[in-house]
Amino acid sequence: MNSGAKADADCFYRLFELCGKSKSMDNAKKVHDFFLQSTCRGDLSLNNKVIDMYSKCEGMTDARRVFDHMPERNMDSWHLMINAYADNGLGDDGLELFEQMRELGLKPNEETFVSVLSACASAGAVEEGFIHFESMKNEYGINPGGDLSLNNKVIDMYSKCEGMTDARRVFDHMPERNMDSWHLMINAYADNGLGDDGLELFEQMRELGLKPNEETFVSVLSACASAGAVEEGFIHFESMKNEYGINPGFEHILGLLGVLGKSGHLIEAMEYIEKLPFEPTVEIWEALRNYARVHGDIDIEDHAEELMVALDPSKADPKKIPTPPPKKRTAISMLDGRNRICEFRNPTLYKDDEKLMSGMKQASYVPDTRYVLHDIDEEAKEQALLYHSERLAIAYGLINTPARSPLRIIKNLRVCGDCHNAIKIMSTIVGRELIVRDNKRFHHFRDGKCSCGDYW
């Protein structure tokens, strides 16, 4: 950026907005450096916007640094930072920041609790969310009944903490709802493997005379994909165009591809892509690659991956094409139970997981060593799969929680395909519901099946 150039507050606001949308940390840092050399650097609202920009670029360390060094903060600063943690999957840090805010004597308001409930949803902390919800009413005298955004956040929190019965109860008792309320509830059903319930809710919405919009149909297509309702998905897609005059956007096209792909109609998905009125993007080929991988169609998987990598070489599979090693994230799984959370990174106790493995092999479990990328022999790969953090968390939970009670596991990375298959078998062997939340969605394992329909 030209060091001799000058910019006013409006210019910086637009720059921060554009950088956030681009999700480019390089651009964000350059614009921030330029901002720090300007006469606007002390502007409170612009510093708040810098936090928002870094948050959208997943630069939480930089966002927190800006927050900590602000000469002054307002309530928006605290709300932005708590929301930033929630949006980036760091809900626990958001809740910790909220406690710091209270220790400083700052009084929370309605918007504060909207942010806090987002953090609870991100952390999967439904019990803590309920405590804050009660505190809001009893300690701070805030009545959530008339606050639409608060009620929407409560729905979001419950849905992300596998509490669909509670989410629906809140939805049904809301004195008023907006379109976001309906979208949240339909998406909640879809994300929890209850797509049929989401479609039923959409019909109720139409019967009430509410007019669907673009976002409504994104939610509806997600519910169709969750329910495996291929024909219904196409009916809604056509209805969107012909009945409501909505031109399909990119999200709708991806949604319809998901309806086909999640149901295993991969040939039809390929034909659908070939008929698109534009050149397929990286996102489209990546989605098809993922669907093909889940359903075991190697030919379509390889074809989609080849086209995806041609458009974006950074998407190349490191097992096939050598690429610089990505920044490694430690896999963490947490067992949520009895009002405490136990975290599993590198435990030393594996015997219970090995016992489960023995029972699983008798139940026709075959380790899928494709998910072990280390250059080691086959036996060592099978052993390595045993040490995945979600399995260790389940093994620990089985010996430390009451029989037949559900287990809730929170994982910061995507569950690998082998662990997904293994946990399905575990749920049959132990006769318990195993609920695993990874960074993509909730998985409800019960009687050898998963709510995601083997796609996530």
Protein backbone atom coordinates (compact mmCIF):
# COMPACT_ATOMS: atom_id res chain seq x y z
CA MET A 1 0.00 0.00 0.00
CA ASN A 2 1.34 3.44 -0.91
CA SER A 3 2.78 4.99 2.25
CA GLY A 4 2.12 8.47 0.84
CA ALA A 5 -1.58 7.82 0.42
CA LYS A 6 -4.10 9.22 2.89
CA ALA A 7 -7.38 7.69 3.96
CA ASP A 8 -10.27 8.93 6.02
CA ALA A 9 -12.48 6.95 8.43
CA ASP A 10 -14.97 5.94 5.73
CA CYS A 11 -12.17 4.64 3.54
CA PHE A 12 -10.74 2.54 6.38
CA TYR A 13 -14.18 1.20 7.22
CA ARG A 14 -14.61 -0.01 3.63
CA LEU A 15 -11.10 -1.48 3.55
CA PHE A 16 -11.66 -3.42 6.79
CA GLU A 17 -14.99 -4.65 5.41
CA LEU A 18 -13.40 -5.84 2.14
CA CYS A 19 -10.53 -7.59 3.93
CA GLY A 20 -12.98 -9.40 6.19
CA LYS A 21 -14.96 -10.62 3.20
CA SER A 22 -11.80 -11.77 1.40
CA LYS A 23 -10.60 -13.64 4.52
CA SER A 24 -7.03 -12.73 3.55
CA MET A 25 -4.73 -12.31 6.55
CA ASP A 26 -2.00 -10.82 4.34
CA ASN A 27 -4.33 -8.04 3.19
CA ALA A 28 -5.69 -7.56 6.70
CA LYS A 29 -2.20 -7.02 8.15
CA LYS A 30 -1.24 -4.58 5.39
CA VAL A 31 -4.40 -2.53 5.87
CA HIS A 32 -3.97 -2.59 9.65
CA ASP A 33 -0.35 -1.39 9.36
CA PHE A 34 -1.52 1.44 7.12
CA PHE A 35 -4.25 2.28 9.65
CA LEU A 36 -1.73 2.43 12.53
CA GLN A 37 0.25 5.09 10.63
CA SER A 38 -2.84 7.22 10.05
CA THR A 39 -4.47 9.92 12.14
CA CYS A 40 -7.52 7.64 12.51
CA ARG A 41 -5.69 5.06 14.63
CA GLY A 42 -7.33 6.22 17.87
CA ASP A 43 -10.90 5.94 16.53
CA LEU A 44 -12.80 3.52 18.80
CA SER A 45 -15.33 2.36 16.20
CA LEU A 46 -12.55 1.70 13.66
CA ASN A 47 -10.53 -0.31 16.19
CA ASN A 48 -13.67 -2.35 16.80
CA LYS A 49 -13.84 -2.90 13.04
CA VAL A 50 -10.23 -4.13 13.05
CA ILE A 51 -11.21 -6.79 15.60
CA ASP A 52 -14.10 -7.81 13.36
CA MET A 53 -11.81 -7.94 10.30
CA TYR A 54 -9.23 -10.18 11.97
CA SER A 55 -11.99 -12.41 13.31
CA LYS A 56 -13.37 -13.00 9.81
CA CYS A 57 -9.83 -13.81 8.61
CA GLU A 58 -9.44 -16.34 11.48
CA GLY A 59 -6.67 -14.22 12.96
CA MET A 60 -7.74 -14.49 16.57
CA THR A 61 -4.28 -13.79 18.02
CA ASP A 62 -4.18 -10.47 16.18
CA ALA A 63 -7.80 -9.69 17.08
CA ARG A 64 -7.05 -10.22 20.77
CA ARG A 65 -3.86 -8.14 20.55
CA VAL A 66 -5.87 -5.23 19.15
CA PHE A 67 -8.48 -5.66 21.88
CA ASP A 68 -5.90 -5.80 24.68
CA HIS A 69 -4.07 -2.66 23.46
CA MET A 70 -7.12 -0.47 22.85
CA PRO A 71 -6.78 2.75 24.90
CA GLU A 72 -10.52 2.58 25.54
CA ARG A 73 -13.28 0.05 24.94
CA ASN A 74 -17.06 0.22 24.80
CA MET A 75 -19.59 -2.58 25.14
CA ASP A 76 -19.39 -3.19 21.39
CA SER A 77 -15.69 -4.01 21.82
CA TRP A 78 -16.48 -6.74 24.36
CA HIS A 79 -19.36 -8.11 22.30
CA LEU A 80 -17.25 -8.21 19.13
CA MET A 81 -14.45 -10.08 20.88
CA ILE A 82 -16.76 -12.63 22.51
CA ASN A 83 -18.54 -13.17 19.19
CA ALA A 84 -15.19 -13.48 17.42
CA TYR A 85 -14.20 -16.33 19.72
CA ALA A 86 -17.59 -17.99 19.21
CA ASP A 87 -17.45 -17.67 15.41
CA ASN A 88 -13.98 -19.20 15.31
CA GLY A 89 -14.83 -22.24 17.42
CA LEU A 90 -13.23 -20.84 20.59
CA GLY A 91 -16.33 -20.50 22.72
CA ASP A 92 -14.48 -21.33 25.94
CA ASP A 93 -12.21 -18.30 25.42
CA GLY A 94 -15.28 -16.16 24.81
CA LEU A 95 -16.85 -17.30 28.09
CA GLU A 96 -13.58 -16.61 29.91
CA LEU A 97 -13.56 -13.08 28.47
CA PHE A 98 -17.13 -12.57 29.65
CA GLU A 99 -16.05 -13.45 33.20
CA GLN A 100 -13.21 -10.90 32.94
CA MET A 101 -15.76 -8.33 31.82
CA ARG A 102 -17.92 -8.99 34.89
CA GLU A 103 -14.88 -8.88 37.21
CA LEU A 104 -14.20 -5.36 35.91
CA GLY A 105 -17.69 -4.36 37.08
CA LEU A 106 -19.18 -3.93 33.62
CA LYS A 107 -22.90 -4.66 33.54
CA PRO A 108 -24.04 -7.04 30.78
CA ASN A 109 -27.00 -6.06 28.62
CA GLU A 110 -29.22 -7.93 26.16
CA GLU A 111 -26.60 -7.84 23.42
CA THR A 112 -23.98 -9.17 25.83
CA PHE A 113 -26.06 -12.27 26.51
CA VAL A 114 -26.63 -12.77 22.77
CA SER A 115 -22.83 -12.97 22.46
CA VAL A 116 -22.48 -15.19 25.55
CA LEU A 117 -25.07 -17.67 24.28
CA SER A 118 -23.19 -17.79 20.96
CA ALA A 119 -20.05 -18.68 22.90
CA CYS A 120 -21.93 -21.38 24.83
CA ALA A 121 -23.19 -22.82 21.53
CA SER A 122 -19.67 -22.78 20.10
CA ALA A 123 -18.29 -24.54 23.19
CA GLY A 124 -21.13 -27.06 23.35
CA ALA A 125 -21.75 -25.85 26.90
CA VAL A 126 -25.52 -26.23 27.16
CA GLU A 127 -25.56 -26.34 30.97
CA GLU A 128 -23.48 -23.17 31.25
CA GLY A 129 -25.73 -21.56 28.66
CA PHE A 130 -28.76 -22.37 30.78
CA ILE A 131 -27.04 -20.89 33.86
CA HIS A 132 -26.29 -17.64 31.99
CA PHE A 133 -29.85 -17.57 30.65
CA GLU A 134 -31.23 -17.79 34.21
CA SER A 135 -28.67 -15.25 35.46
CA MET A 136 -29.81 -12.83 32.78
CA LYS A 137 -33.36 -12.97 34.11
CA ASN A 138 -32.77 -13.25 37.85
CA GLU A 139 -29.52 -11.35 38.42
CA TYR A 140 -29.77 -8.63 35.78
CA GLY A 141 -33.53 -8.33 35.36
CA ILE A 142 -33.45 -8.84 31.60
CA ASN A 143 -36.64 -10.41 30.24
CA PRO A 144 -35.72 -12.53 27.20
CA GLY A 145 -39.35 -13.10 26.27
CA GLY A 146 -39.57 -9.94 24.22
CA ASP A 147 -36.05 -10.02 22.78
CA LEU A 148 -36.16 -11.73 19.41
CA SER A 149 -32.40 -11.99 18.88
CA LEU A 150 -31.93 -13.52 22.33
CA ASN A 151 -34.54 -16.19 21.69
CA ASN A 152 -32.93 -16.96 18.34
CA LYS A 153 -29.58 -17.39 20.06
CA VAL A 154 -31.12 -19.74 22.62
CA ILE A 155 -32.44 -21.88 19.73
CA ASP A 156 -28.99 -21.84 18.13
CA MET A 157 -27.34 -22.81 21.42
CA TYR A 158 -29.66 -25.74 22.09
CA SER A 159 -29.40 -27.02 18.51
CA LYS A 160 -25.60 -27.00 18.65
CA CYS A 161 -25.70 -28.85 21.97
CA GLU A 162 -27.94 -31.66 20.61
CA GLY A 163 -30.93 -30.30 22.57
CA MET A 164 -33.47 -30.30 19.76
CA THR A 165 -36.45 -30.83 22.08
CA ASP A 166 -35.47 -27.72 24.05
CA ALA A 167 -34.76 -25.77 20.85
CA ARG A 168 -38.22 -26.57 19.53
CA ARG A 169 -39.83 -25.68 22.86
CA VAL A 170 -38.21 -22.22 22.76
CA PHE A 171 -39.28 -21.80 19.12
CA ASP A 172 -42.88 -22.79 19.83
CA HIS A 173 -43.18 -20.40 22.80
CA MET A 174 -41.64 -17.33 21.15
CA PRO A 175 -44.10 -14.40 21.27
CA GLU A 176 -42.84 -13.37 17.85
CA ARG A 177 -40.57 -14.86 15.21
CA ASN A 178 -38.71 -13.48 12.23
CA MET A 179 -37.40 -15.33 9.18
CA ASP A 180 -34.11 -15.97 11.00
CA SER A 181 -36.08 -17.94 13.61
CA TRP A 182 -37.51 -20.26 10.96
CA HIS A 183 -34.18 -20.64 9.18
CA LEU A 184 -32.39 -21.43 12.44
CA MET A 185 -34.90 -24.12 13.33
CA ILE A 186 -34.93 -25.76 9.88
CA ASN A 187 -31.12 -25.73 9.77
CA ALA A 188 -30.99 -27.13 13.31
CA TYR A 189 -33.08 -30.11 12.24
CA ALA A 190 -30.90 -30.63 9.16
CA ASP A 191 -27.62 -30.40 11.12
CA ASN A 192 -28.87 -32.92 13.68
CA GLY A 193 -29.92 -35.51 11.10
CA LEU A 194 -33.62 -34.68 11.38
CA GLY A 195 -34.21 -33.36 7.89
CA ASP A 196 -37.80 -34.67 7.71
CA ASP A 197 -38.73 -32.53 10.72
CA GLY A 198 -37.13 -29.53 9.03
CA LEU A 199 -39.18 -30.07 5.88
CA GLU A 200 -42.34 -30.45 7.95
CA LEU A 201 -41.56 -27.12 9.65
CA PHE A 202 -41.09 -25.48 6.26
CA GLU A 203 -44.58 -26.63 5.26
CA GLN A 204 -45.97 -25.13 8.48
CA MET A 205 -44.23 -21.89 7.61
CA ARG A 206 -45.89 -21.79 4.19
CA GLU A 207 -49.30 -22.65 5.65
CA LEU A 208 -48.97 -19.56 7.85
CA GLY A 209 -48.62 -17.46 4.70
CA LEU A 210 -44.94 -16.61 5.22
CA LYS A 211 -43.08 -16.06 1.97
CA PRO A 212 -39.78 -17.95 1.65
CA ASN A 213 -36.69 -16.05 0.54
CA GLU A 214 -33.26 -17.04 -0.82
CA GLU A 215 -31.96 -18.09 2.60
CA THR A 216 -35.07 -20.15 3.28
CA PHE A 217 -34.37 -22.36 0.30
CA VAL A 218 -30.74 -22.85 1.32
CA SER A 219 -32.09 -24.23 4.61
CA VAL A 220 -34.74 -26.33 2.86
CA LEU A 221 -32.20 -27.92 0.50
CA SER A 222 -30.01 -28.71 3.51
CA ALA A 223 -33.00 -30.44 5.13
CA CYS A 224 -33.67 -32.40 1.91
CA ALA A 225 -30.04 -33.55 1.84
CA SER A 226 -30.23 -34.58 5.51
CA ALA A 227 -33.43 -36.54 4.89
CA GLY A 228 -32.25 -38.10 1.61
CA ALA A 229 -35.29 -36.53 -0.08
CA VAL A 230 -33.90 -36.22 -3.61
CA GLU A 231 -37.18 -35.79 -5.49
CA GLU A 232 -38.46 -33.29 -2.95
CA GLY A 233 -35.20 -31.35 -3.24
CA PHE A 234 -35.73 -30.87 -6.98
CA ILE A 235 -39.38 -29.93 -6.42
CA HIS A 236 -38.37 -27.18 -3.97
CA PHE A 237 -35.59 -26.02 -6.30
CA GLU A 238 -38.08 -25.61 -9.16
CA SER A 239 -40.64 -24.03 -6.83
CA MET A 240 -38.08 -21.46 -5.78
CA LYS A 241 -37.71 -20.34 -9.41
CA ASN A 242 -41.22 -20.75 -10.77
CA GLU A 243 -43.45 -20.06 -7.77
CA TYR A 244 -41.42 -17.45 -5.90
CA GLY A 245 -39.35 -15.90 -8.70
CA ILE A 246 -36.03 -16.47 -6.92
CA ASN A 247 -33.04 -16.98 -9.20
CA PRO A 248 -30.83 -19.78 -7.87
CA GLY A 249 -27.59 -18.53 -6.35
CA PHE A 250 -24.35 -20.39 -5.82
CA GLU A 251 -25.47 -21.64 -2.36
CA HIS A 252 -28.64 -23.12 -3.89
CA ILE A 253 -26.63 -24.91 -6.57
CA LEU A 254 -24.29 -26.32 -3.92
CA GLY A 255 -27.36 -27.28 -1.88
CA LEU A 256 -28.92 -29.25 -4.72
CA LEU A 257 -25.57 -30.93 -5.37
CA GLY A 258 -25.63 -31.93 -1.70
CA VAL A 259 -29.11 -33.43 -2.10
CA LEU A 260 -27.74 -35.70 -4.84
CA GLY A 261 -24.30 -36.33 -3.37
CA LYS A 262 -25.30 -37.16 0.20
CA SER A 263 -27.83 -39.68 -1.11
CA GLY A 264 -25.16 -41.40 -3.24
CA HIS A 265 -26.54 -40.30 -6.63
CA LEU A 266 -23.05 -39.50 -7.88
CA ILE A 267 -23.62 -40.09 -11.61
CA GLU A 268 -26.60 -37.73 -11.47
CA ALA A 269 -24.45 -35.25 -9.51
CA MET A 270 -21.82 -35.35 -12.28
CA GLU A 271 -24.49 -34.79 -14.94
CA TYR A 272 -25.91 -31.93 -12.92
CA ILE A 273 -22.48 -30.26 -12.73
CA GLU A 274 -21.90 -30.70 -16.48
CA LYS A 275 -25.16 -28.86 -17.23
CA LEU A 276 -24.38 -25.84 -15.05
CA PRO A 277 -24.55 -22.52 -16.93
CA PHE A 278 -21.06 -21.59 -15.68
CA GLU A 279 -17.68 -23.22 -15.25
CA PRO A 280 -17.72 -25.35 -12.07
CA THR A 281 -15.68 -23.84 -9.23
CA VAL A 282 -13.24 -25.36 -6.76
CA GLU A 283 -16.03 -25.58 -4.16
CA ILE A 284 -18.22 -27.64 -6.49
CA TRP A 285 -15.50 -30.14 -7.41
CA GLU A 286 -14.41 -30.39 -3.78
CA ALA A 287 -17.97 -31.14 -2.69
CA LEU A 288 -18.31 -33.85 -5.34
CA ARG A 289 -14.92 -35.30 -4.34
CA ASN A 290 -16.08 -35.52 -0.73
CA TYR A 291 -19.39 -37.18 -1.63
CA ALA A 292 -17.59 -39.71 -3.84
CA ARG A 293 -15.08 -40.47 -1.09
CA VAL A 294 -17.85 -41.13 1.43
CA HIS A 295 -19.68 -43.46 -0.97
CA GLY A 296 -16.51 -45.22 -2.13
CA ASP A 297 -16.61 -44.23 -5.82
CA ILE A 298 -12.88 -43.97 -6.52
CA ASP A 299 -13.26 -43.04 -10.21
CA ILE A 300 -15.46 -40.02 -9.54
CA GLU A 301 -13.37 -39.07 -6.51
CA ASP A 302 -10.17 -39.03 -8.58
CA HIS A 303 -11.82 -37.19 -11.46
CA ALA A 304 -13.26 -34.51 -9.18
CA GLU A 305 -9.98 -34.14 -7.31
CA GLU A 306 -8.04 -33.73 -10.55
CA LEU A 307 -10.33 -30.91 -11.70
CA MET A 308 -10.31 -29.33 -8.23
CA VAL A 309 -6.48 -29.30 -8.04
CA ALA A 310 -6.26 -27.88 -11.58
CA LEU A 311 -8.20 -24.85 -10.33
CA ASP A 312 -6.48 -24.63 -6.93
CA PRO A 313 -3.17 -26.54 -6.51
CA SER A 314 -3.24 -25.88 -2.76
CA LYS A 315 -6.12 -28.39 -2.54
CA ALA A 316 -3.85 -31.24 -3.65
CA ASP A 317 -3.86 -34.36 -1.47
CA PRO A 318 -0.44 -34.48 0.25
CA LYS A 319 -0.49 -38.29 -0.07
CA LYS A 320 -0.53 -37.98 -3.86
CA ILE A 321 1.44 -34.81 -4.58
CA PRO A 322 4.21 -33.58 -2.28
CA THR A 323 3.33 -30.17 -0.87
CA PRO A 324 4.81 -28.06 1.93
CA PRO A 325 3.51 -29.42 5.26
CA PRO A 326 0.53 -27.45 6.57
CA LYS A 327 0.48 -25.98 10.05
CA LYS A 328 -0.29 -28.89 12.33
CA ARG A 329 -3.15 -28.62 14.80
CA THR A 330 -3.22 -30.91 17.79
CA ALA A 331 -6.33 -33.07 17.80
CA ILE A 332 -8.32 -32.51 20.97
CA SER A 333 -11.43 -34.31 22.13
CA MET A 334 -13.38 -33.40 25.24
CA LEU A 335 -15.76 -35.57 27.21
CA ASP A 336 -18.65 -33.51 28.54
CA GLY A 337 -20.32 -35.05 31.56
CA ARG A 338 -21.29 -34.59 35.18
CA ASN A 339 -20.75 -30.81 34.98
CA ARG A 340 -17.09 -31.14 34.09
CA ILE A 341 -15.16 -31.40 30.85
CA CYS A 342 -12.15 -33.71 30.53
CA GLU A 343 -9.75 -32.96 27.68
CA PHE A 344 -7.84 -35.63 25.73
CA ARG A 345 -4.70 -34.72 23.80
CA ASN A 346 -2.03 -37.35 24.45
CA PRO A 347 -3.31 -39.71 27.14
CA THR A 348 -1.19 -42.66 28.24
CA LEU A 349 -4.06 -45.03 29.02
CA TYR A 350 -5.16 -47.02 25.95
CA LYS A 351 -6.20 -50.40 27.36
CA ASP A 352 -9.93 -49.71 27.33
CA ASP A 353 -9.80 -48.58 23.73
CA GLU A 354 -7.88 -51.75 22.83
CA LYS A 355 -10.62 -53.84 24.49
CA LEU A 356 -13.19 -52.05 22.37
CA MET A 357 -11.09 -52.74 19.27
CA SER A 358 -11.15 -56.46 20.02
CA GLY A 359 -14.94 -56.43 20.26
CA MET A 360 -15.21 -54.31 17.13
CA LYS A 361 -13.15 -56.73 15.05
CA GLN A 362 -15.54 -59.49 16.08
CA ALA A 363 -18.30 -57.21 14.77
CA SER A 364 -16.65 -57.07 11.31
CA TYR A 365 -14.73 -53.83 11.85
CA VAL A 366 -11.83 -53.45 9.42
CA PRO A 367 -9.42 -50.54 10.14
CA ASP A 368 -9.23 -48.09 7.23
CA THR A 369 -5.56 -47.13 7.24
CA ARG A 370 -5.98 -44.60 4.44
CA TYR A 371 -6.51 -42.07 7.20
CA VAL A 372 -3.00 -42.60 8.62
CA LEU A 373 -0.62 -40.43 6.58
CA HIS A 374 2.63 -41.52 8.28
CA ASP A 375 5.02 -43.72 6.31
CA ILE A 376 4.81 -46.76 8.60
CA ASP A 377 3.84 -50.41 8.13
CA GLU A 378 0.22 -51.59 8.10
CA GLU A 379 0.20 -52.94 11.67
CA ALA A 380 1.61 -49.67 13.02
CA LYS A 381 -1.07 -47.75 11.11
CA GLU A 382 -3.80 -49.84 12.74
CA GLN A 383 -2.24 -49.13 16.12
CA ALA A 384 -2.07 -45.39 15.35
CA LEU A 385 -5.81 -45.31 14.66
CA LEU A 386 -6.41 -46.52 18.21
CA TYR A 387 -4.88 -43.35 19.62
CA HIS A 388 -7.23 -40.87 17.94
CA SER A 389 -8.48 -38.57 20.67
CA GLU A 390 -12.21 -39.17 20.17
CA ARG A 391 -11.77 -42.93 20.74
CA LEU A 392 -9.81 -42.33 23.91
CA ALA A 393 -12.47 -39.93 25.15
CA ILE A 394 -15.17 -42.55 24.49
CA ALA A 395 -13.17 -45.27 26.25
CA TYR A 396 -12.68 -43.03 29.28
CA GLY A 397 -16.33 -42.05 29.28
CA LEU A 398 -17.55 -45.63 29.21
CA ILE A 399 -15.79 -46.42 32.48
CA ASN A 400 -16.63 -43.12 34.19
CA THR A 401 -20.31 -42.53 33.40
CA PRO A 402 -23.47 -44.46 34.31
CA ALA A 403 -24.41 -47.40 32.07
CA ARG A 404 -26.87 -46.61 29.23
CA SER A 405 -26.43 -42.84 29.61
CA PRO A 406 -25.48 -40.90 26.46
CA LEU A 407 -21.84 -39.84 26.02
CA ARG A 408 -21.09 -36.38 24.60
CA ILE A 409 -17.72 -35.81 22.94
CA ILE A 410 -16.48 -32.50 21.51
CA LYS A 411 -13.63 -32.59 18.97
CA ASN A 412 -11.82 -29.59 17.49
CA LEU A 413 -11.04 -31.29 14.16
CA ARG A 414 -13.09 -33.25 11.64
CA VAL A 415 -13.73 -36.87 12.67
CA CYS A 416 -11.79 -39.15 10.32
CA GLY A 417 -13.65 -41.76 8.27
CA ASP A 418 -12.18 -44.71 10.16
CA CYS A 419 -13.18 -43.32 13.56
CA HIS A 420 -16.65 -42.60 12.19
CA ASN A 421 -17.06 -46.26 11.16
CA ALA A 422 -15.56 -47.44 14.43
CA ILE A 423 -17.88 -45.34 16.59
CA LYS A 424 -20.93 -46.67 14.73
CA ILE A 425 -19.89 -50.18 15.73
CA MET A 426 -19.05 -49.05 19.27
CA SER A 427 -22.59 -47.72 19.69
CA THR A 428 -23.94 -51.19 18.92
CA ILE A 429 -21.49 -53.01 21.20
CA VAL A 430 -22.02 -50.79 24.25
CA GLY A 431 -25.73 -50.13 23.64
CA ARG A 432 -25.42 -46.40 24.26
CA GLU A 433 -25.92 -43.24 22.28
CA LEU A 434 -22.57 -41.66 21.44
CA ILE A 435 -22.83 -37.98 20.48
CA VAL A 436 -19.74 -36.54 18.81
CA ARG A 437 -19.48 -32.93 17.77
CA ASP A 438 -16.59 -32.20 15.41
CA ASN A 439 -15.78 -28.94 13.61
CA LYS A 440 -18.35 -29.75 10.90
CA ARG A 441 -21.52 -30.94 12.66
CA PHE A 442 -23.11 -33.20 15.30
CA HIS A 443 -22.97 -36.97 14.91
CA HIS A 444 -25.56 -38.96 16.87
CA PHE A 445 -24.38 -42.60 16.86
CA ARG A 446 -27.07 -45.05 17.87
CA ASP A 447 -27.53 -48.78 17.11
CA GLY A 448 -24.76 -48.79 14.51
CA LYS A 449 -26.02 -45.77 12.58
CA CYS A 450 -25.10 -42.08 12.50
CA SER A 451 -27.48 -39.15 12.10
CA CYS A 452 -25.28 -37.62 9.39
CA GLY A 453 -26.05 -40.46 6.99
CA ASP A 454 -22.28 -41.01 6.63
CA TYR A 455 -21.66 -37.60 5.13
CA TRP A 456 -20.17 -34.64 6.98
